[in-house]
Amino acid sequence: MSQAAGLFLVDEIMLVAIDENIDDGDIVALQDRLAEEVHANDAQGIVIDISALEIVDTFVGRIIAQLAGIGVLLDAPTYLVGMRPAVAMTLVELGMTLPSVRTARNLQHAVSRLRSGR
């Protein structure tokens, strides 16, 4: 996997950092590795950080949905953090609601919610 995405296990939570340079090949590798790591480490949740993204398109929206889908199937609640207002507005304009993704203001907020079971 290139530097366009990072995957880290911190206290039973998988942290996924997505860079603006992510491409199809990176996503396939990230999805495979995320599924393997969540299962192998019995991760209690996933936090996807998109703070590096200044703009989004349907490709990025699809990435987020697919990563969250992995979390749903592996019983690991997924939170999205680092969303800029322009990114939120673009996702709405594209009609992407991302129903299986919860949002949190920041990483600390997401971890707190995962710990409390919300």
C-alpha atoms as a PDB file:
ATOM      1  CA  MET A   1       0.000   0.000   0.000  1.00  0.00           C
ATOM      2  CA  SER A   2       1.377   3.411  -0.901  1.00  0.00           C
ATOM      3  CA  GLN A   3       1.561   6.497   1.289  1.00  0.00           C
ATOM      4  CA  ALA A   4      -1.934   7.527   0.096  1.00  0.00           C
ATOM      5  CA  ALA A   5      -3.486   5.685   3.034  1.00  0.00           C
ATOM      6  CA  GLY A   6      -2.335   4.659   6.472  1.00  0.00           C
ATOM      7  CA  LEU A   7      -3.742   1.954   8.720  1.00  0.00           C
ATOM      8  CA  PHE A   8      -2.954   1.871  12.440  1.00  0.00           C
ATOM      9  CA  LEU A   9      -4.235  -0.147  15.408  1.00  0.00           C
ATOM     10  CA  VAL A  10      -4.569   1.944  18.571  1.00  0.00           C
ATOM     11  CA  ASP A  11      -6.171   0.414  21.652  1.00  0.00           C
ATOM     12  CA  GLU A  12      -8.358  -2.027  19.683  1.00  0.00           C
ATOM     13  CA  ILE A  13      -9.479   0.654  17.232  1.00  0.00           C
ATOM     14  CA  MET A  14      -8.371   0.690  13.589  1.00  0.00           C
ATOM     15  CA  LEU A  15      -7.452   4.157  12.406  1.00  0.00           C
ATOM     16  CA  VAL A  16      -7.566   4.755   8.659  1.00  0.00           C
ATOM     17  CA  ALA A  17      -5.966   7.928   7.330  1.00  0.00           C
ATOM     18  CA  ILE A  18      -6.824   8.744   3.720  1.00  0.00           C
ATOM     19  CA  ASP A  19      -4.622  11.110   1.727  1.00  0.00           C
ATOM     20  CA  GLU A  20      -5.802  13.156  -1.240  1.00  0.00           C
ATOM     21  CA  ASN A  21      -3.574  11.140  -3.615  1.00  0.00           C
ATOM     22  CA  ILE A  22      -5.398   7.836  -3.128  1.00  0.00           C
ATOM     23  CA  ASP A  23      -6.149   5.839  -6.276  1.00  0.00           C
ATOM     24  CA  ASP A  24      -7.958   2.620  -7.229  1.00  0.00           C
ATOM     25  CA  GLY A  25      -4.941   0.413  -6.520  1.00  0.00           C
ATOM     26  CA  ASP A  26      -4.466   1.962  -3.092  1.00  0.00           C
ATOM     27  CA  ILE A  27      -8.126   1.407  -2.259  1.00  0.00           C
ATOM     28  CA  VAL A  28      -8.084  -2.271  -3.158  1.00  0.00           C
ATOM     29  CA  ALA A  29      -4.994  -2.779  -0.991  1.00  0.00           C
ATOM     30  CA  LEU A  30      -6.499  -0.721   1.844  1.00  0.00           C
ATOM     31  CA  GLN A  31      -9.784  -2.657   1.797  1.00  0.00           C
ATOM     32  CA  ASP A  32      -8.003  -6.011   1.891  1.00  0.00           C
ATOM     33  CA  ARG A  33      -5.651  -4.939   4.655  1.00  0.00           C
ATOM     34  CA  LEU A  34      -8.413  -3.293   6.705  1.00  0.00           C
ATOM     35  CA  ALA A  35     -10.573  -6.416   6.625  1.00  0.00           C
ATOM     36  CA  GLU A  36      -7.625  -8.602   7.593  1.00  0.00           C
ATOM     37  CA  GLU A  37      -6.478  -6.294  10.407  1.00  0.00           C
ATOM     38  CA  VAL A  38      -9.956  -5.769  11.885  1.00  0.00           C
ATOM     39  CA  HIS A  39     -10.471  -9.527  11.996  1.00  0.00           C
ATOM     40  CA  ALA A  40      -6.973 -10.471  13.190  1.00  0.00           C
ATOM     41  CA  ASN A  41      -6.935  -7.860  15.957  1.00  0.00           C
ATOM     42  CA  ASP A  42     -10.606  -8.152  16.937  1.00  0.00           C
ATOM     43  CA  ALA A  43     -10.890  -4.392  16.455  1.00  0.00           C
ATOM     44  CA  GLN A  44     -13.787  -2.842  18.323  1.00  0.00           C
ATOM     45  CA  GLY A  45     -14.259  -0.055  15.793  1.00  0.00           C
ATOM     46  CA  ILE A  46     -12.885   1.826  12.799  1.00  0.00           C
ATOM     47  CA  VAL A  47     -12.159   5.536  12.520  1.00  0.00           C
ATOM     48  CA  ILE A  48     -11.660   6.914   9.013  1.00  0.00           C
ATOM     49  CA  ASP A  49      -9.828  10.251   8.955  1.00  0.00           C
ATOM     50  CA  ILE A  50     -10.412  12.317   5.811  1.00  0.00           C
ATOM     51  CA  SER A  51      -8.959  15.591   7.117  1.00  0.00           C
ATOM     52  CA  ALA A  52      -6.351  15.540   4.322  1.00  0.00           C
ATOM     53  CA  LEU A  53      -9.084  15.702   1.674  1.00  0.00           C
ATOM     54  CA  GLU A  54      -9.971  19.179   0.496  1.00  0.00           C
ATOM     55  CA  ILE A  55     -12.394  18.002  -2.179  1.00  0.00           C
ATOM     56  CA  VAL A  56     -14.338  14.829  -2.830  1.00  0.00           C
ATOM     57  CA  ASP A  57     -16.014  13.176  -5.756  1.00  0.00           C
ATOM     58  CA  THR A  58     -18.049  10.023  -6.229  1.00  0.00           C
ATOM     59  CA  PHE A  59     -14.848   7.949  -6.143  1.00  0.00           C
ATOM     60  CA  VAL A  60     -13.975   9.171  -2.642  1.00  0.00           C
ATOM     61  CA  GLY A  61     -17.574   8.770  -1.524  1.00  0.00           C
ATOM     62  CA  ARG A  62     -17.525   5.198  -2.784  1.00  0.00           C
ATOM     63  CA  ILE A  63     -14.256   4.582  -0.898  1.00  0.00           C
ATOM     64  CA  ILE A  64     -15.782   5.757   2.359  1.00  0.00           C
ATOM     65  CA  ALA A  65     -18.903   3.657   1.814  1.00  0.00           C
ATOM     66  CA  GLN A  66     -16.866   0.547   1.018  1.00  0.00           C
ATOM     67  CA  LEU A  67     -14.613   0.931   4.052  1.00  0.00           C
ATOM     68  CA  ALA A  68     -17.657   1.431   6.268  1.00  0.00           C
ATOM     69  CA  GLY A  69     -19.239  -1.659   4.707  1.00  0.00           C
ATOM     70  CA  ILE A  70     -16.274  -3.697   5.855  1.00  0.00           C
ATOM     71  CA  GLY A  71     -16.856  -2.391   9.365  1.00  0.00           C
ATOM     72  CA  VAL A  72     -20.547  -3.348   9.257  1.00  0.00           C
ATOM     73  CA  LEU A  73     -19.808  -6.868   8.049  1.00  0.00           C
ATOM     74  CA  LEU A  74     -17.091  -7.383  10.674  1.00  0.00           C
ATOM     75  CA  ASP A  75     -19.154  -5.829  13.514  1.00  0.00           C
ATOM     76  CA  ALA A  76     -16.798  -2.874  13.919  1.00  0.00           C
ATOM     77  CA  PRO A  77     -18.724   0.423  14.168  1.00  0.00           C
ATOM     78  CA  THR A  78     -17.244   2.986  11.803  1.00  0.00           C
ATOM     79  CA  TYR A  79     -16.789   6.702  12.381  1.00  0.00           C
ATOM     80  CA  LEU A  80     -15.754   9.325   9.846  1.00  0.00           C
ATOM     81  CA  VAL A  81     -13.721  12.256  11.182  1.00  0.00           C
ATOM     82  CA  GLY A  82     -12.011  15.287   9.738  1.00  0.00           C
ATOM     83  CA  MET A  83     -14.754  16.263   7.312  1.00  0.00           C
ATOM     84  CA  ARG A  84     -14.501  19.824   6.076  1.00  0.00           C
ATOM     85  CA  PRO A  85     -17.735  21.770   5.466  1.00  0.00           C
ATOM     86  CA  ALA A  86     -17.060  21.903   1.714  1.00  0.00           C
ATOM     87  CA  VAL A  87     -16.612  18.131   1.653  1.00  0.00           C
ATOM     88  CA  ALA A  88     -19.913  17.607   3.495  1.00  0.00           C
ATOM     89  CA  MET A  89     -21.729  19.912   1.083  1.00  0.00           C
ATOM     90  CA  THR A  90     -20.227  18.127  -1.929  1.00  0.00           C
ATOM     91  CA  LEU A  91     -21.251  14.694  -0.630  1.00  0.00           C
ATOM     92  CA  VAL A  92     -24.811  15.959  -0.147  1.00  0.00           C
ATOM     93  CA  GLU A  93     -24.838  17.491  -3.625  1.00  0.00           C
ATOM     94  CA  LEU A  94     -23.677  14.155  -5.040  1.00  0.00           C
ATOM     95  CA  GLY A  95     -26.554  12.427  -3.248  1.00  0.00           C
ATOM     96  CA  MET A  96     -24.268  10.338  -1.051  1.00  0.00           C
ATOM     97  CA  THR A  97     -25.815   9.807   2.362  1.00  0.00           C
ATOM     98  CA  LEU A  98     -23.421   7.084   3.625  1.00  0.00           C
ATOM     99  CA  PRO A  99     -25.984   5.457   5.943  1.00  0.00           C
ATOM    100  CA  SER A 100     -23.569   3.000   7.572  1.00  0.00           C
ATOM    101  CA  VAL A 101     -21.092   5.724   8.551  1.00  0.00           C
ATOM    102  CA  ARG A 102     -21.301   7.657  11.779  1.00  0.00           C
ATOM    103  CA  THR A 103     -19.577  11.008  12.032  1.00  0.00           C
ATOM    104  CA  ALA A 104     -17.651  12.628  14.846  1.00  0.00           C
ATOM    105  CA  ARG A 105     -16.065  16.050  15.212  1.00  0.00           C
ATOM    106  CA  ASN A 106     -12.561  14.645  15.633  1.00  0.00           C
ATOM    107  CA  LEU A 107     -10.590  11.525  16.472  1.00  0.00           C
ATOM    108  CA  GLN A 108     -10.943  11.996  20.225  1.00  0.00           C
ATOM    109  CA  HIS A 109     -14.730  12.339  19.928  1.00  0.00           C
ATOM    110  CA  ALA A 110     -14.961   9.180  17.789  1.00  0.00           C
ATOM    111  CA  VAL A 111     -12.828   7.148  20.186  1.00  0.00           C
ATOM    112  CA  SER A 112     -14.906   8.372  23.119  1.00  0.00           C
ATOM    113  CA  ARG A 113     -18.114   7.296  21.370  1.00  0.00           C
ATOM    114  CA  LEU A 114     -16.650   3.892  20.481  1.00  0.00           C
ATOM    115  CA  ARG A 115     -15.598   3.372  24.093  1.00  0.00           C
ATOM    116  CA  SER A 116     -19.073   4.259  25.372  1.00  0.00           C
ATOM    117  CA  GLY A 117     -20.749   1.943  22.872  1.00  0.00           C
ATOM    118  CA  ARG A 118     -22.594   4.688  20.956  1.00  0.00           C
END
